[in-house]
Amino acid sequence: MKIKKYTILNKNLIFKGIKYEVGKRYKKNSLLVYEDIKTLLFRYFFIRDVIEQIQIRVVYEYDDYYVIHNEINYYEDFDSNVKIDYKNLFLLLRYRDKNIINKNITSMSIYEKMALAIVGNRIHIKKLIKWVRKNRSSFFEDVRFEHLQYNIIKNINVIDYLKFHLHHNSLIYLGLNNLRFKEIDKILKNHKFKYDKEIADLGYDRYLDYFIDNKIHLQNDFVARSILTKGRHKDLDFFMNNSETIFIAVPIIHWQREKDLIKLSKSTNKDISQLANKELNEIKLKKRLN
């Protein structure tokens, strides 16, 4: 028996990391599928927000499998039970509807703003940034507001981002790995200590050396740990002189350098010595098995 249902996928027909194809059979329970669009949207937005292009597809259910078909028409296929915020969201994402794009930013719902941030040009992004700055305190700890900022930052260029800095942790959203050394240097200079861990996480030698040479690792244990997770031998050698804290010792032990484990197995810190001895015993066992 063939039953018409609906699902939401991203623009590349991906859901939860799985790439789907039109006309292909899929096992049941592999998709978020509902009999009507209203229920689908309610369930989807109950646990997710819009951080990328999404689309609604018709899915035909058979006895023991699904088949994905065409994308719906967002003007004709939404019934009166679907919230206008959701309808406008898709009209923006899929059709760039000018009547919605040209609405006053203040009168837009948070979902319309999210969609505008994804599809908007530089003028719209600037308007959204202005609105975010003005209304930040009113949306404190509102996850949808955070996702709106994510969408804004993801869709502006690096120079605009540095100029229109929004929120104390927004650099994490942008992804420092998208920046050139020149921009990262500017961040280090203008935001001292604020993003050291995030920059250390990138693993670039020039910044790992910078944090060591300028003793920044002494001011922030998380920077020290980020440096150690990269596993550079010179860093492991350097931190072995300061390995009596469990916070520093654990990432050193992780790399299983035998000389480090032997030294740490004799540590006066029982937790460190136990961890080191455990790793040494595993190494010895592997050697015997090989």
Protein backbone atom coordinates (compact mmCIF):
# COMPACT_ATOMS: atom_id res chain seq x y z
CA MET A 1 0.00 0.00 0.00
CA LYS A 2 1.32 3.44 -0.99
CA ILE A 3 0.89 6.30 1.53
CA LYS A 4 1.99 9.91 0.92
CA LYS A 5 4.06 11.44 3.74
CA TYR A 6 6.65 14.21 4.21
CA THR A 7 10.23 14.64 5.41
CA ILE A 8 12.80 17.44 5.84
CA LEU A 9 16.27 17.20 4.27
CA ASN A 10 19.00 19.74 3.66
CA LYS A 11 19.61 21.15 0.17
CA ASN A 12 21.88 18.22 -0.71
CA LEU A 13 19.25 15.69 0.43
CA ILE A 14 21.19 14.92 3.61
CA PHE A 15 19.69 14.08 7.00
CA LYS A 16 21.78 13.15 10.07
CA GLY A 17 24.85 12.76 7.88
CA ILE A 18 23.23 10.35 5.42
CA LYS A 19 22.96 11.30 1.73
CA TYR A 20 19.60 10.28 0.23
CA GLU A 21 18.57 9.95 -3.41
CA VAL A 22 15.25 10.55 -5.15
CA GLY A 23 13.54 7.35 -6.23
CA LYS A 24 15.69 5.04 -4.11
CA ARG A 25 14.26 2.72 -1.45
CA TYR A 26 15.12 3.26 2.21
CA LYS A 27 14.37 1.28 5.34
CA LYS A 28 11.69 2.61 7.64
CA ASN A 29 12.86 4.62 10.67
CA SER A 30 15.76 5.99 8.60
CA LEU A 31 13.98 9.32 8.06
CA LEU A 32 11.91 11.81 10.06
CA VAL A 33 8.60 11.13 8.28
CA TYR A 34 5.07 12.32 9.13
CA GLU A 35 1.66 12.17 7.50
CA ASP A 36 1.12 15.94 7.44
CA ILE A 37 3.38 18.97 7.14
CA LYS A 38 2.15 20.62 10.33
CA THR A 39 3.23 17.67 12.51
CA LEU A 40 6.52 17.34 10.63
CA LEU A 41 7.40 20.99 11.25
CA PHE A 42 6.34 20.85 14.88
CA ARG A 43 8.53 17.81 15.55
CA TYR A 44 11.47 19.16 13.56
CA PHE A 45 11.57 22.60 15.15
CA PHE A 46 10.95 21.19 18.62
CA ILE A 47 14.48 19.79 18.60
CA ARG A 48 16.24 21.78 15.84
CA ASP A 49 16.70 25.28 14.53
CA VAL A 50 17.60 26.53 11.08
CA ILE A 51 21.34 26.72 10.49
CA GLU A 52 21.37 25.66 6.84
CA GLN A 53 19.20 25.40 3.75
CA ILE A 54 16.44 22.85 4.27
CA GLN A 55 13.60 21.54 2.10
CA ILE A 56 10.45 19.47 2.50
CA ARG A 57 10.16 16.40 0.29
CA VAL A 58 7.27 14.08 -0.45
CA VAL A 59 7.96 10.54 0.75
CA TYR A 60 5.88 7.54 -0.31
CA GLU A 61 5.58 4.82 2.31
CA TYR A 62 5.23 1.21 1.20
CA ASP A 63 4.92 -1.90 3.38
CA ASP A 64 8.54 -2.01 4.50
CA TYR A 65 10.38 0.90 2.85
CA TYR A 66 10.25 4.61 1.92
CA VAL A 67 10.86 6.26 -1.45
CA ILE A 68 11.77 9.97 -1.63
CA HIS A 69 10.05 12.03 -4.34
CA ASN A 70 9.60 15.68 -5.31
CA GLU A 71 10.02 18.82 -3.22
CA ILE A 72 6.71 20.42 -2.24
CA ASN A 73 5.41 23.75 -3.54
CA TYR A 74 5.71 26.11 -0.56
CA TYR A 75 3.02 28.45 -1.85
CA GLU A 76 0.41 25.78 -2.53
CA ASP A 77 1.13 22.82 -0.26
CA PHE A 78 1.10 24.48 3.16
CA ASP A 79 -2.36 24.34 4.68
CA SER A 80 -3.90 26.87 7.07
CA ASN A 81 -2.74 24.88 10.10
CA VAL A 82 0.94 25.58 9.39
CA LYS A 83 2.32 28.53 11.36
CA ILE A 84 2.95 31.55 9.14
CA ASP A 85 6.48 31.82 10.63
CA TYR A 86 7.35 28.40 9.23
CA LYS A 87 5.75 29.09 5.87
CA ASN A 88 7.66 32.36 5.48
CA LEU A 89 10.85 30.62 6.55
CA PHE A 90 10.61 28.25 3.58
CA LEU A 91 9.45 30.96 1.18
CA LEU A 92 12.65 32.79 2.06
CA LEU A 93 14.95 29.77 1.95
CA ARG A 94 13.63 28.21 -1.23
CA TYR A 95 12.16 31.11 -3.26
CA ARG A 96 13.87 34.25 -1.88
CA ASP A 97 10.36 35.72 -1.60
CA LYS A 98 10.79 39.50 -1.99
CA ASN A 99 7.71 40.37 0.06
CA ILE A 100 9.31 38.71 3.08
CA ILE A 101 12.86 39.85 2.37
CA ASN A 102 11.66 43.46 2.24
CA LYS A 103 9.74 43.27 5.53
CA ASN A 104 10.91 45.46 8.37
CA ILE A 105 13.50 43.52 10.37
CA THR A 106 11.73 44.30 13.63
CA SER A 107 8.47 42.75 12.43
CA MET A 108 10.13 39.51 11.32
CA SER A 109 9.87 36.37 13.42
CA ILE A 110 13.07 34.80 14.72
CA TYR A 111 12.69 32.06 12.10
CA GLU A 112 12.37 34.58 9.30
CA LYS A 113 15.51 36.29 10.58
CA MET A 114 17.36 32.96 10.63
CA ALA A 115 16.38 32.34 7.01
CA LEU A 116 17.29 35.89 5.99
CA ALA A 117 20.73 35.42 7.51
CA ILE A 118 21.23 32.30 5.38
CA VAL A 119 20.07 33.82 2.08
CA GLY A 120 20.51 37.56 2.68
CA ASN A 121 23.01 39.78 0.98
CA ARG A 122 25.41 42.14 2.74
CA ILE A 123 22.74 44.82 3.24
CA HIS A 124 20.39 42.39 4.98
CA ILE A 125 23.21 40.99 7.11
CA LYS A 126 24.11 44.50 8.31
CA LYS A 127 20.47 45.10 9.28
CA LEU A 128 20.38 41.84 11.19
CA ILE A 129 23.62 42.69 13.00
CA LYS A 130 22.17 46.04 14.05
CA TRP A 131 19.03 44.30 15.35
CA VAL A 132 21.09 41.68 17.22
CA ARG A 133 23.18 44.31 18.97
CA LYS A 134 20.10 46.26 19.99
CA ASN A 135 18.14 43.24 21.27
CA ARG A 136 20.89 41.05 22.73
CA SER A 137 19.84 41.57 26.36
CA SER A 138 16.20 40.71 25.57
CA PHE A 139 17.19 37.29 24.22
CA PHE A 140 19.72 36.29 26.88
CA GLU A 141 20.25 32.50 26.81
CA ASP A 142 17.69 32.05 24.00
CA VAL A 143 19.14 29.28 21.83
CA ARG A 144 17.29 30.54 18.75
CA PHE A 145 19.02 33.91 19.16
CA GLU A 146 22.36 32.08 19.34
CA HIS A 147 21.51 30.21 16.13
CA LEU A 148 20.58 33.47 14.45
CA GLN A 149 24.04 34.81 15.30
CA TYR A 150 25.57 31.60 13.99
CA ASN A 151 23.76 32.08 10.68
CA ILE A 152 24.88 35.70 10.46
CA ILE A 153 28.52 34.92 11.16
CA LYS A 154 28.60 31.91 8.85
CA ASN A 155 27.43 34.04 5.94
CA ILE A 156 29.55 37.17 6.22
CA ASN A 157 33.09 37.60 5.08
CA VAL A 158 36.02 37.74 7.47
CA ILE A 159 36.58 41.50 7.32
CA ASP A 160 32.91 42.23 8.05
CA TYR A 161 33.02 39.79 10.93
CA LEU A 162 35.99 41.48 12.55
CA LYS A 163 34.32 44.85 12.05
CA PHE A 164 30.88 43.80 13.33
CA HIS A 165 31.98 41.58 16.21
CA LEU A 166 28.77 40.37 17.84
CA HIS A 167 29.18 38.22 20.88
CA HIS A 168 31.94 37.09 23.21
CA ASN A 169 31.98 33.54 21.84
CA SER A 170 30.99 34.15 18.24
CA LEU A 171 34.46 33.48 16.90
CA ILE A 172 33.85 29.83 17.70
CA TYR A 173 30.84 29.90 15.36
CA LEU A 174 32.87 31.42 12.54
CA GLY A 175 35.56 28.77 12.78
CA LEU A 176 39.04 30.19 13.22
CA ASN A 177 40.34 27.66 10.71
CA ASN A 178 38.65 29.78 8.03
CA LEU A 179 40.86 32.75 8.87
CA ARG A 180 44.26 33.66 7.50
CA PHE A 181 47.25 34.23 9.77
CA LYS A 182 46.80 37.99 9.34
CA GLU A 183 43.29 37.89 10.82
CA ILE A 184 44.28 35.52 13.64
CA ASP A 185 47.20 37.83 14.51
CA LYS A 186 44.73 40.70 14.71
CA ILE A 187 42.50 38.71 17.07
CA LEU A 188 45.48 37.88 19.32
CA LYS A 189 46.41 41.55 19.45
CA ASN A 190 42.93 43.01 19.99
CA HIS A 191 41.45 40.31 22.23
CA LYS A 192 44.29 39.35 24.56
CA PHE A 193 43.76 35.99 26.26
CA LYS A 194 40.12 35.80 25.10
CA TYR A 195 40.53 33.28 22.27
CA ASP A 196 43.87 31.72 23.16
CA LYS A 197 42.42 28.23 23.63
CA GLU A 198 40.51 28.34 20.33
CA ILE A 199 43.66 29.49 18.52
CA ALA A 200 45.77 26.82 20.23
CA ASP A 201 43.18 24.24 19.15
CA LEU A 202 44.03 25.03 15.52
CA GLY A 203 47.43 23.38 16.02
CA TYR A 204 49.46 25.85 13.95
CA ASP A 205 53.13 25.72 14.97
CA ARG A 206 53.52 29.49 14.94
CA TYR A 207 50.80 29.95 17.58
CA LEU A 208 51.78 26.97 19.72
CA ASP A 209 55.31 28.39 19.83
CA TYR A 210 53.90 31.85 20.58
CA PHE A 211 51.96 30.58 23.61
CA ILE A 212 55.01 28.73 24.94
CA ASP A 213 57.54 31.50 24.30
CA ASN A 214 55.30 34.15 25.87
CA LYS A 215 54.47 31.93 28.86
CA ILE A 216 50.74 32.20 28.11
CA HIS A 217 50.40 28.52 29.02
CA LEU A 218 51.14 29.56 32.61
CA GLN A 219 48.09 31.81 32.67
CA ASN A 220 45.64 29.34 31.16
CA ASP A 221 45.69 25.59 31.83
CA PHE A 222 43.29 25.02 28.95
CA VAL A 223 45.81 26.54 26.53
CA ALA A 224 48.45 24.21 27.93
CA ARG A 225 46.17 21.23 27.43
CA SER A 226 45.31 22.30 23.88
CA ILE A 227 49.03 22.51 23.09
CA LEU A 228 49.64 19.04 24.51
CA THR A 229 46.80 17.45 22.54
CA LYS A 230 48.77 18.21 19.34
CA GLY A 231 51.49 15.81 20.45
CA ARG A 232 54.55 17.78 19.38
CA HIS A 233 57.60 16.17 21.01
CA LYS A 234 59.17 19.47 22.02
CA ASP A 235 55.95 20.44 23.84
CA LEU A 236 55.76 17.10 25.61
CA ASP A 237 59.40 17.50 26.67
CA PHE A 238 58.71 21.05 27.86
CA PHE A 239 55.64 20.15 29.91
CA MET A 240 57.22 17.09 31.48
CA ASN A 241 58.94 19.54 33.81
CA ASN A 242 55.51 20.61 35.03
CA SER A 243 53.64 17.32 34.94
CA GLU A 244 52.66 16.89 38.58
CA THR A 245 49.10 18.13 37.98
CA ILE A 246 46.60 15.63 36.62
CA PHE A 247 45.33 18.23 34.14
CA ILE A 248 48.75 18.37 32.46
CA ALA A 249 49.76 14.74 33.01
CA VAL A 250 46.73 13.13 31.33
CA PRO A 251 47.38 14.45 27.80
CA ILE A 252 51.08 13.56 28.17
CA ILE A 253 50.17 10.00 29.18
CA HIS A 254 47.82 9.80 26.19
CA TRP A 255 50.76 9.91 23.78
CA GLN A 256 52.35 6.85 25.44
CA ARG A 257 55.95 7.94 25.17
CA GLU A 258 57.68 5.31 27.28
CA LYS A 259 60.22 7.66 28.86
CA ASP A 260 57.37 9.93 30.04
CA LEU A 261 55.34 7.03 31.41
CA ILE A 262 58.31 5.67 33.36
CA LYS A 263 58.88 9.06 34.98
CA LEU A 264 55.19 9.68 35.68
CA SER A 265 54.75 6.17 37.11
CA LYS A 266 56.98 7.33 39.96
CA SER A 267 54.95 10.49 40.59
CA THR A 268 53.97 11.34 44.18
CA ASN A 269 50.47 12.03 42.81
CA LYS A 270 48.77 8.61 43.11
CA ASP A 271 46.26 9.31 40.32
CA ILE A 272 49.06 10.18 37.90
CA SER A 273 51.23 7.21 38.86
CA GLN A 274 48.28 4.80 38.50
CA LEU A 275 47.40 6.11 35.04
CA ALA A 276 51.01 5.97 33.89
CA ASN A 277 51.49 2.44 35.22
CA LYS A 278 48.31 1.32 33.50
CA GLU A 279 49.58 2.63 30.16
CA LEU A 280 53.00 1.02 30.72
CA ASN A 281 51.37 -2.33 31.40
CA GLU A 282 49.32 -2.04 28.21
CA ILE A 283 52.45 -1.28 26.20
CA LYS A 284 54.25 -4.28 27.72
CA LEU A 285 51.29 -6.52 26.91
CA LYS A 286 51.22 -5.34 23.29
CA LYS A 287 54.94 -6.03 22.97
CA ARG A 288 54.49 -9.58 24.29
CA LEU A 289 51.59 -10.23 21.91
CA ASN A 290 53.57 -8.97 18.95
